[in-house]
Amino acid sequence: VLTIDLTVNPLATNTITQTTCAGDSIVVNGTTYNTTGIYTDTLVAANGCDSVLTIDLTVNPLATNTITQTICAGDSIVVNGTSYNATGIYTDTLVAANGCDSVLTIDLTVNPLATNTITQTICAGDSIVVNGTSYNTTGIYSDTLVAANGCDSVLTIDLTVNPLATNTITQTICAGDSILVNGTSYNATGIYTDTLVAANGCDSILTIDLTVNPLASN
């Protein structure tokens, strides 16, 4: 009688369940894994039989977010405690809810300060009106408006007021004589004024101070 005493060792199995972040990897039995999936590896157990190792790997993707913002020159935005005030694309690495890196991109546009200059020359007594304000004195003025992009626009008014030109002619003549000034004849004692146009295009006031000596009698 032949007796067979058979023992069948069960298949040894083991499962590794692992979660990593994008860019990371795990090494199992000399093999590197960095992609979500279920992998199997056959080893030799202590009893000399095959041992099947299952690797259940989840790779959390890289979380990304973009903030697109437009501001005016002189303003700034604060993101995660950092202030930004220049046009550019910035990145900030945070920690997401799953414990992995989260990359925040800040796409910032800073609208420049719009400037414009009005250079004007006027005559004394005249004025110019800009944006509802009247100006009649030589000087450089600035006015802040709102540009089409919603930001401040600085208008500079460079104003020159030409002074009133004046001149006086003092003259003494004899009775019966006369003087001719700018086409007008004067023959009586008095102070006369005549308005001319100066070289700068503005009024020029000419004063004629005329004395007519009376005719001497014997």
N, C-alpha and C. Protein backbone atom coordinates (compact mmCIF):
# COMPACT_ATOMS: atom_id res chain seq x y z
N VAL A 1 0.87 -1.18 0.00
CA VAL A 1 0.00 0.00 0.00
C VAL A 1 0.91 1.24 0.00
N LEU A 2 0.66 2.09 -0.97
CA LEU A 2 1.45 3.35 -1.07
C LEU A 2 0.61 4.49 -0.51
N THR A 3 1.15 5.12 0.49
CA THR A 3 0.44 6.26 1.09
C THR A 3 1.14 7.56 0.69
N ILE A 4 0.36 8.48 0.14
CA ILE A 4 0.93 9.78 -0.29
C ILE A 4 0.41 10.84 0.66
N ASP A 5 1.30 11.43 1.38
CA ASP A 5 0.93 12.52 2.33
C ASP A 5 1.34 13.84 1.67
N LEU A 6 0.37 14.51 1.04
CA LEU A 6 0.65 15.72 0.23
C LEU A 6 0.22 16.98 0.96
N THR A 7 1.12 17.89 1.04
CA THR A 7 0.79 19.22 1.60
C THR A 7 0.97 20.26 0.51
N VAL A 8 -0.07 21.01 0.22
CA VAL A 8 -0.02 22.08 -0.80
C VAL A 8 0.04 23.41 -0.08
N ASN A 9 1.21 24.06 -0.20
CA ASN A 9 1.35 25.38 0.41
C ASN A 9 0.48 26.40 -0.34
N PRO A 10 -0.28 27.19 0.38
CA PRO A 10 -1.15 28.19 -0.30
C PRO A 10 -0.28 29.28 -0.95
N LEU A 11 -0.88 29.89 -1.97
CA LEU A 11 -0.21 31.01 -2.65
C LEU A 11 -0.18 32.21 -1.70
N ALA A 12 1.03 32.66 -1.40
CA ALA A 12 1.16 33.82 -0.51
C ALA A 12 0.87 35.09 -1.32
N THR A 13 0.01 35.92 -0.78
CA THR A 13 -0.32 37.19 -1.46
C THR A 13 -0.22 38.34 -0.45
N ASN A 14 0.15 39.47 -0.99
CA ASN A 14 0.25 40.67 -0.15
C ASN A 14 -0.07 41.89 -1.02
N THR A 15 -0.72 42.88 -0.45
CA THR A 15 -1.08 44.10 -1.20
C THR A 15 -0.51 45.32 -0.50
N ILE A 16 0.16 46.14 -1.29
CA ILE A 16 0.62 47.45 -0.80
C ILE A 16 -0.27 48.52 -1.44
N THR A 17 -0.94 49.27 -0.60
CA THR A 17 -1.77 50.38 -1.10
C THR A 17 -1.06 51.68 -0.74
N GLN A 18 -0.75 52.45 -1.76
CA GLN A 18 0.08 53.64 -1.55
C GLN A 18 -0.47 54.82 -2.34
N THR A 19 -0.40 56.01 -1.73
CA THR A 19 -0.76 57.27 -2.42
C THR A 19 0.44 58.20 -2.39
N THR A 20 0.79 58.74 -3.55
CA THR A 20 1.91 59.70 -3.64
C THR A 20 1.46 60.93 -4.42
N CYS A 21 2.34 61.89 -4.46
CA CYS A 21 2.07 63.14 -5.20
C CYS A 21 2.75 63.08 -6.56
N ALA A 22 2.17 63.82 -7.51
CA ALA A 22 2.78 63.90 -8.84
C ALA A 22 4.23 64.36 -8.71
N GLY A 23 5.11 63.63 -9.40
CA GLY A 23 6.54 63.95 -9.32
C GLY A 23 7.27 63.05 -8.34
N ASP A 24 6.53 62.38 -7.43
CA ASP A 24 7.14 61.44 -6.50
C ASP A 24 7.01 60.02 -7.06
N SER A 25 7.67 59.07 -6.42
CA SER A 25 7.59 57.67 -6.86
C SER A 25 7.84 56.76 -5.65
N ILE A 26 7.52 55.49 -5.83
CA ILE A 26 7.86 54.50 -4.79
C ILE A 26 8.71 53.40 -5.45
N VAL A 27 9.57 52.79 -4.65
CA VAL A 27 10.41 51.70 -5.14
C VAL A 27 10.04 50.45 -4.35
N VAL A 28 9.63 49.41 -5.08
CA VAL A 28 9.24 48.13 -4.47
C VAL A 28 10.05 47.03 -5.14
N ASN A 29 10.81 46.31 -4.31
CA ASN A 29 11.60 45.18 -4.81
C ASN A 29 12.48 45.61 -5.99
N GLY A 30 13.02 46.85 -5.90
CA GLY A 30 13.94 47.34 -6.93
C GLY A 30 13.28 47.97 -8.13
N THR A 31 11.97 47.99 -8.16
CA THR A 31 11.24 48.59 -9.29
C THR A 31 10.60 49.90 -8.85
N THR A 32 10.73 50.93 -9.71
CA THR A 32 10.17 52.26 -9.42
C THR A 32 8.80 52.39 -10.07
N TYR A 33 7.86 52.93 -9.28
CA TYR A 33 6.49 53.16 -9.77
C TYR A 33 6.14 54.63 -9.52
N ASN A 34 5.61 55.30 -10.54
CA ASN A 34 5.25 56.73 -10.38
C ASN A 34 3.97 57.09 -11.14
N THR A 35 3.20 56.08 -11.51
CA THR A 35 1.95 56.31 -12.25
C THR A 35 0.83 55.55 -11.57
N THR A 36 -0.33 56.18 -11.48
CA THR A 36 -1.49 55.51 -10.88
C THR A 36 -1.75 54.19 -11.61
N GLY A 37 -1.95 53.11 -10.82
CA GLY A 37 -2.24 51.81 -11.42
C GLY A 37 -2.14 50.70 -10.38
N ILE A 38 -2.49 49.50 -10.81
CA ILE A 38 -2.36 48.31 -9.97
C ILE A 38 -1.32 47.40 -10.62
N TYR A 39 -0.28 47.09 -9.90
CA TYR A 39 0.84 46.33 -10.43
C TYR A 39 1.01 45.04 -9.60
N THR A 40 1.53 44.00 -10.23
CA THR A 40 1.82 42.75 -9.51
C THR A 40 3.28 42.39 -9.70
N ASP A 41 3.84 41.79 -8.64
CA ASP A 41 5.23 41.35 -8.67
C ASP A 41 5.29 39.97 -8.01
N THR A 42 5.94 39.04 -8.67
CA THR A 42 6.03 37.66 -8.15
C THR A 42 7.38 37.48 -7.46
N LEU A 43 7.31 37.12 -6.18
CA LEU A 43 8.51 36.91 -5.37
C LEU A 43 8.57 35.44 -4.95
N VAL A 44 9.58 35.08 -4.19
CA VAL A 44 9.68 33.73 -3.63
C VAL A 44 9.48 33.83 -2.13
N ALA A 45 8.45 33.12 -1.64
CA ALA A 45 8.13 33.18 -0.21
C ALA A 45 9.12 32.33 0.58
N ALA A 46 9.01 32.40 1.89
CA ALA A 46 9.91 31.66 2.78
C ALA A 46 9.77 30.15 2.59
N ASN A 47 8.60 29.70 2.13
CA ASN A 47 8.40 28.27 1.94
C ASN A 47 8.86 27.80 0.56
N GLY A 48 9.46 28.72 -0.19
CA GLY A 48 10.00 28.36 -1.50
C GLY A 48 9.02 28.47 -2.62
N CYS A 49 7.79 28.83 -2.34
CA CYS A 49 6.76 28.99 -3.38
C CYS A 49 6.67 30.45 -3.81
N ASP A 50 5.93 30.60 -4.91
CA ASP A 50 5.71 31.97 -5.39
C ASP A 50 4.89 32.76 -4.38
N SER A 51 5.23 34.06 -4.30
CA SER A 51 4.45 35.00 -3.48
C SER A 51 4.09 36.17 -4.38
N VAL A 52 2.81 36.48 -4.48
CA VAL A 52 2.35 37.55 -5.39
C VAL A 52 2.12 38.81 -4.58
N LEU A 53 2.88 39.85 -4.96
CA LEU A 53 2.74 41.16 -4.33
C LEU A 53 1.96 42.08 -5.26
N THR A 54 0.89 42.66 -4.74
CA THR A 54 0.09 43.62 -5.52
C THR A 54 0.36 45.03 -5.00
N ILE A 55 0.70 45.91 -5.94
CA ILE A 55 0.95 47.33 -5.58
C ILE A 55 -0.20 48.15 -6.16
N ASP A 56 -1.00 48.71 -5.26
CA ASP A 56 -2.15 49.57 -5.66
C ASP A 56 -1.72 51.02 -5.43
N LEU A 57 -1.28 51.66 -6.51
CA LEU A 57 -0.68 53.00 -6.41
C LEU A 57 -1.62 54.07 -6.97
N THR A 58 -1.83 55.12 -6.15
CA THR A 58 -2.58 56.31 -6.62
C THR A 58 -1.63 57.50 -6.58
N VAL A 59 -1.48 58.15 -7.73
CA VAL A 59 -0.63 59.35 -7.82
C VAL A 59 -1.56 60.56 -7.96
N ASN A 60 -1.59 61.37 -6.89
CA ASN A 60 -2.44 62.57 -6.93
C ASN A 60 -1.86 63.57 -7.94
N PRO A 61 -2.72 64.08 -8.85
CA PRO A 61 -2.20 65.02 -9.86
C PRO A 61 -1.79 66.35 -9.22
N LEU A 62 -0.94 67.07 -9.93
CA LEU A 62 -0.51 68.39 -9.49
C LEU A 62 -1.70 69.36 -9.61
N ALA A 63 -2.08 69.96 -8.49
CA ALA A 63 -3.19 70.92 -8.52
C ALA A 63 -2.67 72.27 -9.03
N THR A 64 -3.36 72.85 -9.99
CA THR A 64 -2.96 74.15 -10.54
C THR A 64 -4.15 75.09 -10.55
N ASN A 65 -3.86 76.36 -10.38
CA ASN A 65 -4.89 77.39 -10.43
C ASN A 65 -4.26 78.68 -10.94
N THR A 66 -5.01 79.45 -11.70
CA THR A 66 -4.49 80.69 -12.26
C THR A 66 -5.39 81.86 -11.86
N ILE A 67 -4.77 82.91 -11.34
CA ILE A 67 -5.46 84.17 -11.06
C ILE A 67 -5.02 85.17 -12.11
N THR A 68 -5.98 85.69 -12.87
CA THR A 68 -5.70 86.72 -13.88
C THR A 68 -6.27 88.03 -13.37
N GLN A 69 -5.39 89.01 -13.20
CA GLN A 69 -5.81 90.27 -12.57
C GLN A 69 -5.21 91.46 -13.32
N THR A 70 -6.02 92.53 -13.42
CA THR A 70 -5.54 93.80 -13.99
C THR A 70 -5.75 94.89 -12.95
N ILE A 71 -4.68 95.65 -12.67
CA ILE A 71 -4.75 96.74 -11.70
C ILE A 71 -4.16 98.00 -12.31
N CYS A 72 -4.27 99.09 -11.58
CA CYS A 72 -3.74 100.38 -12.04
C CYS A 72 -2.35 100.61 -11.42
N ALA A 73 -1.54 101.39 -12.13
CA ALA A 73 -0.23 101.76 -11.61
C ALA A 73 -0.39 102.40 -10.24
N GLY A 74 0.44 101.95 -9.29
CA GLY A 74 0.35 102.46 -7.92
C GLY A 74 -0.45 101.55 -7.01
N ASP A 75 -1.25 100.65 -7.60
CA ASP A 75 -1.99 99.67 -6.81
C ASP A 75 -1.20 98.36 -6.73
N SER A 76 -1.67 97.43 -5.92
CA SER A 76 -1.03 96.13 -5.80
C SER A 76 -2.06 95.10 -5.37
N ILE A 77 -1.73 93.82 -5.53
CA ILE A 77 -2.57 92.75 -5.02
C ILE A 77 -1.73 91.92 -4.05
N VAL A 78 -2.38 91.34 -3.07
CA VAL A 78 -1.71 90.48 -2.11
C VAL A 78 -2.28 89.08 -2.26
N VAL A 79 -1.40 88.11 -2.56
CA VAL A 79 -1.80 86.72 -2.73
C VAL A 79 -0.92 85.87 -1.81
N ASN A 80 -1.57 85.15 -0.92
CA ASN A 80 -0.86 84.26 0.00
C ASN A 80 0.24 85.01 0.77
N GLY A 81 -0.06 86.26 1.13
CA GLY A 81 0.86 87.05 1.93
C GLY A 81 1.93 87.79 1.16
N THR A 82 1.95 87.63 -0.16
CA THR A 82 2.95 88.32 -0.99
C THR A 82 2.26 89.39 -1.82
N SER A 83 2.90 90.58 -1.87
CA SER A 83 2.35 91.71 -2.62
C SER A 83 2.97 91.75 -4.02
N TYR A 84 2.11 92.00 -5.01
CA TYR A 84 2.56 92.09 -6.41
C TYR A 84 2.07 93.42 -6.99
N ASN A 85 2.97 94.17 -7.65
CA ASN A 85 2.58 95.47 -8.22
C ASN A 85 3.24 95.76 -9.56
N ALA A 86 3.76 94.73 -10.22
CA ALA A 86 4.38 94.91 -11.54
C ALA A 86 3.83 93.86 -12.50
N THR A 87 3.65 94.26 -13.76
CA THR A 87 3.16 93.33 -14.76
C THR A 87 4.08 92.11 -14.85
N GLY A 88 3.50 90.92 -14.88
CA GLY A 88 4.31 89.71 -14.99
C GLY A 88 3.47 88.48 -14.67
N ILE A 89 4.09 87.32 -14.87
CA ILE A 89 3.47 86.05 -14.52
C ILE A 89 4.29 85.44 -13.39
N TYR A 90 3.64 85.22 -12.27
CA TYR A 90 4.31 84.72 -11.07
C TYR A 90 3.73 83.37 -10.68
N THR A 91 4.55 82.53 -10.01
CA THR A 91 4.05 81.26 -9.51
C THR A 91 4.31 81.17 -8.01
N ASP A 92 3.40 80.52 -7.33
CA ASP A 92 3.50 80.33 -5.89
C ASP A 92 3.11 78.88 -5.60
N THR A 93 3.93 78.19 -4.82
CA THR A 93 3.65 76.79 -4.50
C THR A 93 3.01 76.69 -3.12
N LEU A 94 1.81 76.12 -3.09
CA LEU A 94 1.05 75.96 -1.84
C LEU A 94 0.91 74.46 -1.56
N VAL A 95 0.23 74.13 -0.47
CA VAL A 95 -0.07 72.74 -0.15
C VAL A 95 -1.57 72.53 -0.32
N ALA A 96 -1.93 71.59 -1.18
CA ALA A 96 -3.35 71.33 -1.46
C ALA A 96 -3.95 70.49 -0.33
N ALA A 97 -5.26 70.31 -0.41
CA ALA A 97 -5.97 69.55 0.63
C ALA A 97 -5.48 68.11 0.72
N ASN A 98 -4.96 67.56 -0.40
CA ASN A 98 -4.49 66.17 -0.39
C ASN A 98 -3.04 66.05 0.09
N GLY A 99 -2.46 67.19 0.55
CA GLY A 99 -1.11 67.18 1.07
C GLY A 99 -0.03 67.33 0.03
N CYS A 100 -0.42 67.41 -1.23
CA CYS A 100 0.56 67.58 -2.32
C CYS A 100 0.71 69.05 -2.68
N ASP A 101 1.74 69.32 -3.49
CA ASP A 101 1.96 70.69 -3.94
C ASP A 101 0.81 71.15 -4.82
N SER A 102 0.49 72.44 -4.67
CA SER A 102 -0.50 73.10 -5.52
C SER A 102 0.18 74.34 -6.08
N VAL A 103 0.22 74.44 -7.41
CA VAL A 103 0.92 75.57 -8.05
C VAL A 103 -0.10 76.62 -8.44
N LEU A 104 0.07 77.82 -7.86
CA LEU A 104 -0.79 78.95 -8.18
C LEU A 104 -0.04 79.88 -9.12
N THR A 105 -0.65 80.21 -10.26
CA THR A 105 -0.07 81.14 -11.22
C THR A 105 -0.82 82.46 -11.15
N ILE A 106 -0.09 83.55 -10.97
CA ILE A 106 -0.68 84.89 -10.94
C ILE A 106 -0.28 85.61 -12.22
N ASP A 107 -1.26 85.87 -13.07
CA ASP A 107 -1.03 86.58 -14.34
C ASP A 107 -1.49 88.02 -14.12
N LEU A 108 -0.54 88.91 -13.84
CA LEU A 108 -0.86 90.28 -13.43
C LEU A 108 -0.51 91.28 -14.52
N THR A 109 -1.47 92.14 -14.83
CA THR A 109 -1.24 93.26 -15.76
C THR A 109 -1.45 94.56 -15.00
N VAL A 110 -0.44 95.41 -15.02
CA VAL A 110 -0.53 96.73 -14.37
C VAL A 110 -0.65 97.78 -15.46
N ASN A 111 -1.82 98.40 -15.54
CA ASN A 111 -2.02 99.46 -16.54
C ASN A 111 -1.17 100.68 -16.17
N PRO A 112 -0.39 101.19 -17.13
CA PRO A 112 0.48 102.34 -16.80
C PRO A 112 -0.35 103.59 -16.55
N LEU A 113 0.27 104.55 -15.86
CA LEU A 113 -0.37 105.83 -15.62
C LEU A 113 -0.43 106.61 -16.93
N ALA A 114 -1.63 106.97 -17.36
CA ALA A 114 -1.78 107.74 -18.60
C ALA A 114 -1.48 109.20 -18.32
N THR A 115 -0.63 109.79 -19.15
CA THR A 115 -0.27 111.20 -18.98
C THR A 115 -0.46 111.96 -20.29
N ASN A 116 -0.80 113.21 -20.17
CA ASN A 116 -0.96 114.07 -21.33
C ASN A 116 -0.63 115.50 -20.92
N THR A 117 -0.02 116.25 -21.82
CA THR A 117 0.36 117.64 -21.52
C THR A 117 -0.25 118.59 -22.53
N ILE A 118 -0.88 119.63 -22.04
CA ILE A 118 -1.37 120.72 -22.88
C ILE A 118 -0.45 121.92 -22.65
N THR A 119 0.20 122.37 -23.71
CA THR A 119 1.06 123.56 -23.63
C THR A 119 0.33 124.69 -24.34
N GLN A 120 0.07 125.78 -23.61
CA GLN A 120 -0.76 126.85 -24.15
C GLN A 120 -0.18 128.21 -23.78
N THR A 121 -0.26 129.14 -24.72
CA THR A 121 0.14 130.53 -24.48
C THR A 121 -1.06 131.43 -24.77
N ILE A 122 -1.37 132.29 -23.80
CA ILE A 122 -2.50 133.21 -23.96
C ILE A 122 -2.04 134.62 -23.60
N CYS A 123 -2.91 135.56 -23.81
CA CYS A 123 -2.62 136.96 -23.50
C CYS A 123 -3.20 137.33 -22.13
N ALA A 124 -2.56 138.28 -21.48
CA ALA A 124 -3.07 138.78 -20.21
C ALA A 124 -4.52 139.21 -20.37
N GLY A 125 -5.35 138.76 -19.42
CA GLY A 125 -6.78 139.07 -19.50
C GLY A 125 -7.59 137.94 -20.08
N ASP A 126 -6.91 137.01 -20.79
CA ASP A 126 -7.60 135.84 -21.33
C ASP A 126 -7.47 134.67 -20.35
N SER A 127 -8.15 133.58 -20.64
CA SER A 127 -8.06 132.39 -19.82
C SER A 127 -8.37 131.18 -20.68
N ILE A 128 -8.02 130.00 -20.17
CA ILE A 128 -8.42 128.76 -20.83
C ILE A 128 -9.21 127.92 -19.81
N VAL A 129 -10.12 127.12 -20.32
CA VAL A 129 -10.92 126.24 -19.47
C VAL A 129 -10.60 124.81 -19.84
N VAL A 130 -10.12 124.04 -18.86
CA VAL A 130 -9.78 122.63 -19.08
C VAL A 130 -10.53 121.81 -18.04
N ASN A 131 -11.32 120.87 -18.53
CA ASN A 131 -12.08 119.98 -17.64
C ASN A 131 -12.89 120.77 -16.61
N GLY A 132 -13.46 121.91 -17.05
CA GLY A 132 -14.33 122.70 -16.20
C GLY A 132 -13.62 123.68 -15.30
N THR A 133 -12.28 123.72 -15.35
CA THR A 133 -11.52 124.65 -14.51
C THR A 133 -10.88 125.72 -15.39
N SER A 134 -10.96 126.97 -14.92
CA SER A 134 -10.41 128.10 -15.66
C SER A 134 -9.01 128.43 -15.15
N TYR A 135 -8.10 128.70 -16.10
CA TYR A 135 -6.71 129.03 -15.77
C TYR A 135 -6.34 130.34 -16.49
N ASN A 136 -5.76 131.30 -15.75
CA ASN A 136 -5.39 132.59 -16.35
C ASN A 136 -4.08 133.14 -15.82
N THR A 137 -3.28 132.30 -15.19
CA THR A 137 -2.00 132.72 -14.64
C THR A 137 -0.91 131.76 -15.11
N THR A 138 0.24 132.31 -15.47
CA THR A 138 1.36 131.47 -15.89
C THR A 138 1.68 130.44 -14.81
N GLY A 139 1.85 129.18 -15.23
CA GLY A 139 2.19 128.13 -14.27
C GLY A 139 2.00 126.76 -14.89
N ILE A 140 2.39 125.74 -14.14
CA ILE A 140 2.19 124.35 -14.55
C ILE A 140 1.20 123.72 -13.57
N TYR A 141 0.10 123.25 -14.11
CA TYR A 141 -0.98 122.70 -13.31
C TYR A 141 -1.20 121.24 -13.68
N SER A 142 -1.72 120.46 -12.75
CA SER A 142 -2.04 119.06 -13.06
C SER A 142 -3.48 118.78 -12.65
N ASP A 143 -4.12 117.92 -13.42
CA ASP A 143 -5.50 117.54 -13.18
C ASP A 143 -5.60 116.03 -13.34
N THR A 144 -6.24 115.37 -12.41
CA THR A 144 -6.37 113.90 -12.46
C THR A 144 -7.74 113.53 -13.00
N LEU A 145 -7.73 112.78 -14.09
CA LEU A 145 -8.96 112.33 -14.73
C LEU A 145 -9.03 110.80 -14.63
N VAL A 146 -10.07 110.22 -15.19
CA VAL A 146 -10.19 108.76 -15.27
C VAL A 146 -10.06 108.36 -16.72
N ALA A 147 -9.05 107.51 -17.01
CA ALA A 147 -8.80 107.07 -18.39
C ALA A 147 -9.80 105.99 -18.79
N ALA A 148 -9.75 105.61 -20.07
CA ALA A 148 -10.69 104.61 -20.60
C ALA A 148 -10.52 103.26 -19.90
N ASN A 149 -9.31 102.98 -19.38
CA ASN A 149 -9.09 101.69 -18.71
C ASN A 149 -9.49 101.72 -17.24
N GLY A 150 -10.11 102.83 -16.81
CA GLY A 150 -10.57 102.94 -15.44
C GLY A 150 -9.53 103.41 -14.45
N CYS A 151 -8.32 103.65 -14.92
CA CYS A 151 -7.23 104.11 -14.05
C CYS A 151 -7.08 105.63 -14.14
N ASP A 152 -6.30 106.17 -13.20
CA ASP A 152 -6.06 107.61 -13.21
C ASP A 152 -5.30 108.02 -14.47
N SER A 153 -5.64 109.21 -14.96
CA SER A 153 -4.94 109.83 -16.07
C SER A 153 -4.57 111.24 -15.63
N VAL A 154 -3.28 111.54 -15.68
CA VAL A 154 -2.81 112.84 -15.20
C VAL A 154 -2.61 113.78 -16.39
N LEU A 155 -3.35 114.87 -16.36
CA LEU A 155 -3.25 115.91 -17.39
C LEU A 155 -2.43 117.07 -16.84
N THR A 156 -1.37 117.44 -17.55
CA THR A 156 -0.54 118.58 -17.16
C THR A 156 -0.83 119.76 -18.08
N ILE A 157 -1.12 120.91 -17.49
CA ILE A 157 -1.38 122.13 -18.25
C ILE A 157 -0.19 123.07 -18.04
N ASP A 158 0.56 123.30 -19.10
CA ASP A 158 1.72 124.20 -19.06
C ASP A 158 1.28 125.52 -19.71
N LEU A 159 0.93 126.48 -18.85
CA LEU A 159 0.31 127.71 -19.33
C LEU A 159 1.27 128.90 -19.20
N THR A 160 1.40 129.64 -20.30
CA THR A 160 2.17 130.90 -20.30
C THR A 160 1.22 132.03 -20.64
N VAL A 161 1.16 133.01 -19.74
CA VAL A 161 0.31 134.19 -19.98
C VAL A 161 1.23 135.35 -20.32
N ASN A 162 1.19 135.79 -21.57
CA ASN A 162 2.02 136.92 -21.99
C ASN A 162 1.51 138.19 -21.30
N PRO A 163 2.42 138.95 -20.67
CA PRO A 163 1.99 140.17 -19.97
C PRO A 163 1.52 141.24 -20.96
N LEU A 164 0.74 142.16 -20.44
CA LEU A 164 0.28 143.28 -21.25
C LEU A 164 1.46 144.20 -21.54
N ALA A 165 1.77 144.40 -22.82
CA ALA A 165 2.89 145.29 -23.19
C ALA A 165 2.41 146.74 -23.11
N THR A 166 3.18 147.57 -22.46
CA THR A 166 2.84 149.00 -22.33
C THR A 166 4.03 149.85 -22.74
N ASN A 167 3.72 151.00 -23.29
CA ASN A 167 4.76 151.95 -23.69
C ASN A 167 4.18 153.36 -23.58
N THR A 168 5.02 154.32 -23.20
CA THR A 168 4.56 155.71 -23.04
C THR A 168 5.42 156.65 -23.88
N ILE A 169 4.75 157.48 -24.63
CA ILE A 169 5.43 158.55 -25.38
C ILE A 169 5.09 159.87 -24.68
N THR A 170 6.14 160.52 -24.20
CA THR A 170 5.96 161.85 -23.59
C THR A 170 6.48 162.91 -24.56
N GLN A 171 5.61 163.81 -24.93
CA GLN A 171 5.96 164.75 -25.99
C GLN A 171 5.46 166.16 -25.65
N THR A 172 6.28 167.15 -25.99
CA THR A 172 5.89 168.57 -25.84
C THR A 172 6.01 169.24 -27.20
N ILE A 173 4.92 169.91 -27.60
CA ILE A 173 4.92 170.60 -28.88
C ILE A 173 4.39 172.03 -28.68
N CYS A 174 4.49 172.77 -29.72
CA CYS A 174 4.01 174.16 -29.68
C CYS A 174 2.59 174.23 -30.23
N ALA A 175 1.87 175.21 -29.74
CA ALA A 175 0.51 175.43 -30.24
C ALA A 175 0.55 175.58 -31.75
N GLY A 176 -0.35 174.91 -32.40
CA GLY A 176 -0.40 174.95 -33.86
C GLY A 176 0.28 173.76 -34.49
N ASP A 177 1.14 173.08 -33.67
CA ASP A 177 1.77 171.86 -34.18
C ASP A 177 0.93 170.64 -33.78
N SER A 178 1.33 169.50 -34.27
CA SER A 178 0.65 168.25 -33.90
C SER A 178 1.65 167.09 -34.05
N ILE A 179 1.29 165.97 -33.44
CA ILE A 179 2.09 164.76 -33.65
C ILE A 179 1.19 163.68 -34.22
N LEU A 180 1.79 162.82 -35.00
CA LEU A 180 1.04 161.72 -35.63
C LEU A 180 1.56 160.41 -35.04
N VAL A 181 0.68 159.68 -34.38
CA VAL A 181 1.04 158.40 -33.77
C VAL A 181 0.07 157.33 -34.28
N ASN A 182 0.63 156.32 -34.92
CA ASN A 182 -0.17 155.18 -35.40
C ASN A 182 -1.35 155.64 -36.25
N GLY A 183 -1.08 156.70 -37.07
CA GLY A 183 -2.10 157.18 -38.00
C GLY A 183 -3.06 158.17 -37.42
N THR A 184 -2.90 158.50 -36.13
CA THR A 184 -3.80 159.45 -35.48
C THR A 184 -3.02 160.71 -35.13
N SER A 185 -3.62 161.86 -35.39
CA SER A 185 -2.98 163.15 -35.13
C SER A 185 -3.46 163.70 -33.78
N TYR A 186 -2.50 164.20 -32.99
CA TYR A 186 -2.79 164.77 -31.67
C TYR A 186 -2.22 166.19 -31.63
N ASN A 187 -3.03 167.16 -31.17
CA ASN A 187 -2.56 168.56 -31.13
C ASN A 187 -3.07 169.31 -29.90
N ALA A 188 -3.54 168.57 -28.91
CA ALA A 188 -4.03 169.22 -27.68
C ALA A 188 -3.41 168.51 -26.48
N THR A 189 -3.10 169.30 -25.48
CA THR A 189 -2.54 168.73 -24.25
C THR A 189 -3.49 167.67 -23.70
N GLY A 190 -2.90 166.50 -23.30
CA GLY A 190 -3.73 165.43 -22.73
C GLY A 190 -2.94 164.11 -22.69
N ILE A 191 -3.55 163.15 -22.06
CA ILE A 191 -2.99 161.79 -22.03
C ILE A 191 -3.94 160.89 -22.80
N TYR A 192 -3.40 160.26 -23.81
CA TYR A 192 -4.19 159.45 -24.74
C TYR A 192 -3.68 158.00 -24.69
N THR A 193 -4.54 157.07 -24.95
CA THR A 193 -4.12 155.67 -25.04
C THR A 193 -4.54 155.10 -26.40
N ASP A 194 -3.69 154.21 -26.88
CA ASP A 194 -3.95 153.55 -28.17
C ASP A 194 -3.62 152.07 -28.00
N THR A 195 -4.50 151.21 -28.45
CA THR A 195 -4.27 149.77 -28.34
C THR A 195 -3.74 149.24 -29.66
N LEU A 196 -2.55 148.62 -29.57
CA LEU A 196 -1.90 148.05 -30.75
C LEU A 196 -1.80 146.53 -30.56
N VAL A 197 -1.22 145.88 -31.54
CA VAL A 197 -0.96 144.44 -31.44
C VAL A 197 0.55 144.25 -31.34
N ALA A 198 1.00 143.64 -30.23
CA ALA A 198 2.43 143.43 -30.02
C ALA A 198 2.93 142.25 -30.85
N ALA A 199 4.27 142.06 -30.85
CA ALA A 199 4.88 140.99 -31.64
C ALA A 199 4.39 139.61 -31.21
N ASN A 200 3.97 139.45 -29.93
CA ASN A 200 3.50 138.15 -29.45
C ASN A 200 2.02 137.91 -29.74
N GLY A 201 1.41 138.86 -30.49
CA GLY A 201 0.01 138.70 -30.87
C GLY A 201 -0.98 139.22 -29.86
N CYS A 202 -0.47 139.72 -28.72
CA CYS A 202 -1.35 140.24 -27.68
C CYS A 202 -1.47 141.77 -27.79
N ASP A 203 -2.43 142.33 -27.03
CA ASP A 203 -2.60 143.78 -27.03
C ASP A 203 -1.37 144.47 -26.44
N SER A 204 -1.07 145.63 -27.00
CA SER A 204 -0.01 146.48 -26.49
C SER A 204 -0.63 147.87 -26.29
N ILE A 205 -0.53 148.40 -25.08
CA ILE A 205 -1.14 149.70 -24.78
C ILE A 205 -0.08 150.81 -24.90
N LEU A 206 -0.34 151.72 -25.80
CA LEU A 206 0.54 152.87 -25.98
C LEU A 206 -0.11 154.09 -25.34
N THR A 207 0.63 154.74 -24.45
CA THR A 207 0.14 155.95 -23.79
C THR A 207 0.89 157.16 -24.37
N ILE A 208 0.13 158.14 -24.80
CA ILE A 208 0.72 159.38 -25.34
C ILE A 208 0.46 160.50 -24.33
N ASP A 209 1.53 160.99 -23.73
CA ASP A 209 1.44 162.09 -22.75
C ASP A 209 1.89 163.37 -23.46
N LEU A 210 0.92 164.12 -23.95
CA LEU A 210 1.22 165.26 -24.81
C LEU A 210 0.98 166.59 -24.09
N THR A 211 1.99 167.43 -24.19
CA THR A 211 1.86 168.80 -23.67
C THR A 211 2.00 169.76 -24.85
N VAL A 212 1.01 170.63 -24.99
CA VAL A 212 1.05 171.62 -26.05
C VAL A 212 1.27 172.99 -25.40
N ASN A 213 2.49 173.51 -25.63
CA ASN A 213 2.78 174.85 -25.08
C ASN A 213 1.96 175.91 -25.79
N PRO A 214 1.28 176.77 -25.02
CA PRO A 214 0.46 177.80 -25.67
C PRO A 214 1.32 178.82 -26.44
N LEU A 215 0.71 179.45 -27.34
CA LEU A 215 1.39 180.49 -28.13
C LEU A 215 1.70 181.67 -27.22
N ALA A 216 2.96 182.06 -27.19
CA ALA A 216 3.35 183.21 -26.34
C ALA A 216 2.84 184.50 -26.97
N SER A 217 2.34 185.42 -26.13
CA SER A 217 1.85 186.71 -26.63
C SER A 217 2.70 187.83 -26.06
N ASN A 218 2.92 188.90 -26.83
CA ASN A 218 3.72 190.05 -26.39
C ASN A 218 2.79 191.16 -25.93
